[in-house]
Amino acid sequence: MTTDLLSGDYHNFLQALKERIRNAQSRSALAVNRELVTLYWQIGQEILTRQREQGWGAKVISQLAKDLKAAFPEMGVAEKVMLTLAQ
């Protein structure tokens, strides 16, 4: 058994598995980032629409940022970010 673990075949197999895992992790991160960018763009568009149609101002956006931050503290939603999305 120990000889099998030290063989070149085992090490090649291990390296191939590590590479596949790293590649999958990278693809996963890229997919998440792509989805978040799309989400933020959509949020910005919806805020702009409401600003035009309903006259939303900075106070509404500030309240929206506070409410989203309370609901999703791990996302770091801040008023400054919300204002940037709405531009």
C-alpha atoms as a PDB file:
ATOM      1  CA  MET A   1       0.000   0.000   0.000  1.00  0.00           C
ATOM      2  CA  THR A   2       2.755   2.467   0.904  1.00  0.00           C
ATOM      3  CA  THR A   3       4.546   1.738  -2.340  1.00  0.00           C
ATOM      4  CA  ASP A   4       1.342   2.528  -4.243  1.00  0.00           C
ATOM      5  CA  LEU A   5       1.054   5.910  -2.525  1.00  0.00           C
ATOM      6  CA  LEU A   6       4.589   6.807  -3.468  1.00  0.00           C
ATOM      7  CA  SER A   7       4.267   5.766  -7.066  1.00  0.00           C
ATOM      8  CA  GLY A   8       4.313   8.307  -9.866  1.00  0.00           C
ATOM      9  CA  ASP A   9       0.796   7.338 -10.843  1.00  0.00           C
ATOM     10  CA  TYR A  10      -0.576   8.367  -7.452  1.00  0.00           C
ATOM     11  CA  HIS A  11       1.197  11.715  -7.552  1.00  0.00           C
ATOM     12  CA  ASN A  12       0.001  12.387 -11.099  1.00  0.00           C
ATOM     13  CA  PHE A  13      -3.542  11.498 -10.072  1.00  0.00           C
ATOM     14  CA  LEU A  14      -3.319  13.792  -7.026  1.00  0.00           C
ATOM     15  CA  GLN A  15      -2.005  16.681  -9.126  1.00  0.00           C
ATOM     16  CA  ALA A  16      -4.777  16.204 -11.688  1.00  0.00           C
ATOM     17  CA  LEU A  17      -7.414  16.228  -8.931  1.00  0.00           C
ATOM     18  CA  LYS A  18      -5.959  19.389  -7.394  1.00  0.00           C
ATOM     19  CA  GLU A  19      -5.995  21.104 -10.775  1.00  0.00           C
ATOM     20  CA  ARG A  20      -9.621  20.096 -11.417  1.00  0.00           C
ATOM     21  CA  ILE A  21     -10.650  21.372  -7.977  1.00  0.00           C
ATOM     22  CA  ARG A  22      -8.865  24.711  -8.496  1.00  0.00           C
ATOM     23  CA  ASN A  23     -10.435  25.094 -11.936  1.00  0.00           C
ATOM     24  CA  ALA A  24     -13.899  24.367 -10.560  1.00  0.00           C
ATOM     25  CA  GLN A  25     -13.348  26.877  -7.743  1.00  0.00           C
ATOM     26  CA  SER A  26     -12.297  29.539 -10.242  1.00  0.00           C
ATOM     27  CA  ARG A  27     -15.284  28.880 -12.515  1.00  0.00           C
ATOM     28  CA  SER A  28     -17.604  29.029  -9.501  1.00  0.00           C
ATOM     29  CA  ALA A  29     -16.196  32.371  -8.372  1.00  0.00           C
ATOM     30  CA  LEU A  30     -16.533  33.804 -11.879  1.00  0.00           C
ATOM     31  CA  ALA A  31     -20.142  32.621 -12.134  1.00  0.00           C
ATOM     32  CA  VAL A  32     -21.012  34.195  -8.767  1.00  0.00           C
ATOM     33  CA  ASN A  33     -19.341  37.471  -9.742  1.00  0.00           C
ATOM     34  CA  ARG A  34     -21.190  37.520 -13.063  1.00  0.00           C
ATOM     35  CA  GLU A  35     -24.528  36.994 -11.307  1.00  0.00           C
ATOM     36  CA  LEU A  36     -23.810  39.719  -8.744  1.00  0.00           C
ATOM     37  CA  VAL A  37     -22.810  42.249 -11.403  1.00  0.00           C
ATOM     38  CA  THR A  38     -26.036  41.498 -13.265  1.00  0.00           C
ATOM     39  CA  LEU A  39     -28.054  41.822 -10.058  1.00  0.00           C
ATOM     40  CA  TYR A  40     -26.458  45.158  -9.142  1.00  0.00           C
ATOM     41  CA  TRP A  41     -27.027  46.522 -12.638  1.00  0.00           C
ATOM     42  CA  GLN A  42     -30.697  45.483 -12.485  1.00  0.00           C
ATOM     43  CA  ILE A  43     -31.104  47.060  -9.041  1.00  0.00           C
ATOM     44  CA  GLY A  44     -29.592  50.290 -10.354  1.00  0.00           C
ATOM     45  CA  GLN A  45     -31.957  50.308 -13.335  1.00  0.00           C
ATOM     46  CA  GLU A  46     -34.982  49.714 -11.120  1.00  0.00           C
ATOM     47  CA  ILE A  47     -33.938  52.535  -8.778  1.00  0.00           C
ATOM     48  CA  LEU A  48     -33.497  54.887 -11.742  1.00  0.00           C
ATOM     49  CA  THR A  49     -36.938  53.956 -13.043  1.00  0.00           C
ATOM     50  CA  ARG A  50     -38.529  54.662  -9.675  1.00  0.00           C
ATOM     51  CA  GLN A  51     -36.658  57.937  -9.396  1.00  0.00           C
ATOM     52  CA  ARG A  52     -38.084  59.053 -12.739  1.00  0.00           C
ATOM     53  CA  GLU A  53     -41.597  57.688 -12.330  1.00  0.00           C
ATOM     54  CA  GLN A  54     -42.179  58.157  -8.608  1.00  0.00           C
ATOM     55  CA  GLY A  55     -39.769  60.949  -7.729  1.00  0.00           C
ATOM     56  CA  TRP A  56     -37.621  58.877  -5.397  1.00  0.00           C
ATOM     57  CA  GLY A  57     -34.885  60.946  -3.798  1.00  0.00           C
ATOM     58  CA  ALA A  58     -31.797  60.374  -1.672  1.00  0.00           C
ATOM     59  CA  LYS A  59     -33.851  59.689   1.465  1.00  0.00           C
ATOM     60  CA  VAL A  60     -35.632  56.754  -0.124  1.00  0.00           C
ATOM     61  CA  ILE A  61     -32.345  55.335  -1.387  1.00  0.00           C
ATOM     62  CA  SER A  62     -30.790  55.824   2.053  1.00  0.00           C
ATOM     63  CA  GLN A  63     -33.665  53.927   3.662  1.00  0.00           C
ATOM     64  CA  LEU A  64     -33.443  51.207   1.017  1.00  0.00           C
ATOM     65  CA  ALA A  65     -29.715  50.788   1.775  1.00  0.00           C
ATOM     66  CA  LYS A  66     -30.414  50.508   5.522  1.00  0.00           C
ATOM     67  CA  ASP A  67     -33.160  47.941   5.008  1.00  0.00           C
ATOM     68  CA  LEU A  68     -31.061  45.849   2.623  1.00  0.00           C
ATOM     69  CA  LYS A  69     -28.054  46.044   4.950  1.00  0.00           C
ATOM     70  CA  ALA A  70     -30.207  44.764   7.811  1.00  0.00           C
ATOM     71  CA  ALA A  71     -31.522  41.903   5.674  1.00  0.00           C
ATOM     72  CA  PHE A  72     -28.149  41.029   4.096  1.00  0.00           C
ATOM     73  CA  PRO A  73     -25.347  42.179   6.455  1.00  0.00           C
ATOM     74  CA  GLU A  74     -22.797  39.976   4.691  1.00  0.00           C
ATOM     75  CA  MET A  75     -23.235  41.920   1.444  1.00  0.00           C
ATOM     76  CA  GLY A  76     -22.063  45.232   2.856  1.00  0.00           C
ATOM     77  CA  VAL A  77     -24.875  47.231   1.245  1.00  0.00           C
ATOM     78  CA  ALA A  78     -24.258  50.885   1.998  1.00  0.00           C
ATOM     79  CA  GLU A  79     -25.975  54.094   1.015  1.00  0.00           C
ATOM     80  CA  LYS A  80     -22.974  55.138  -1.063  1.00  0.00           C
ATOM     81  CA  VAL A  81     -23.165  51.854  -2.999  1.00  0.00           C
ATOM     82  CA  MET A  82     -26.897  52.306  -3.587  1.00  0.00           C
ATOM     83  CA  LEU A  83     -26.360  55.824  -4.894  1.00  0.00           C
ATOM     84  CA  THR A  84     -23.642  54.530  -7.212  1.00  0.00           C
ATOM     85  CA  LEU A  85     -25.975  51.810  -8.518  1.00  0.00           C
ATOM     86  CA  ALA A  86     -28.566  54.418  -9.320  1.00  0.00           C
ATOM     87  CA  GLN A  87     -26.287  56.399 -11.622  1.00  0.00           C
END
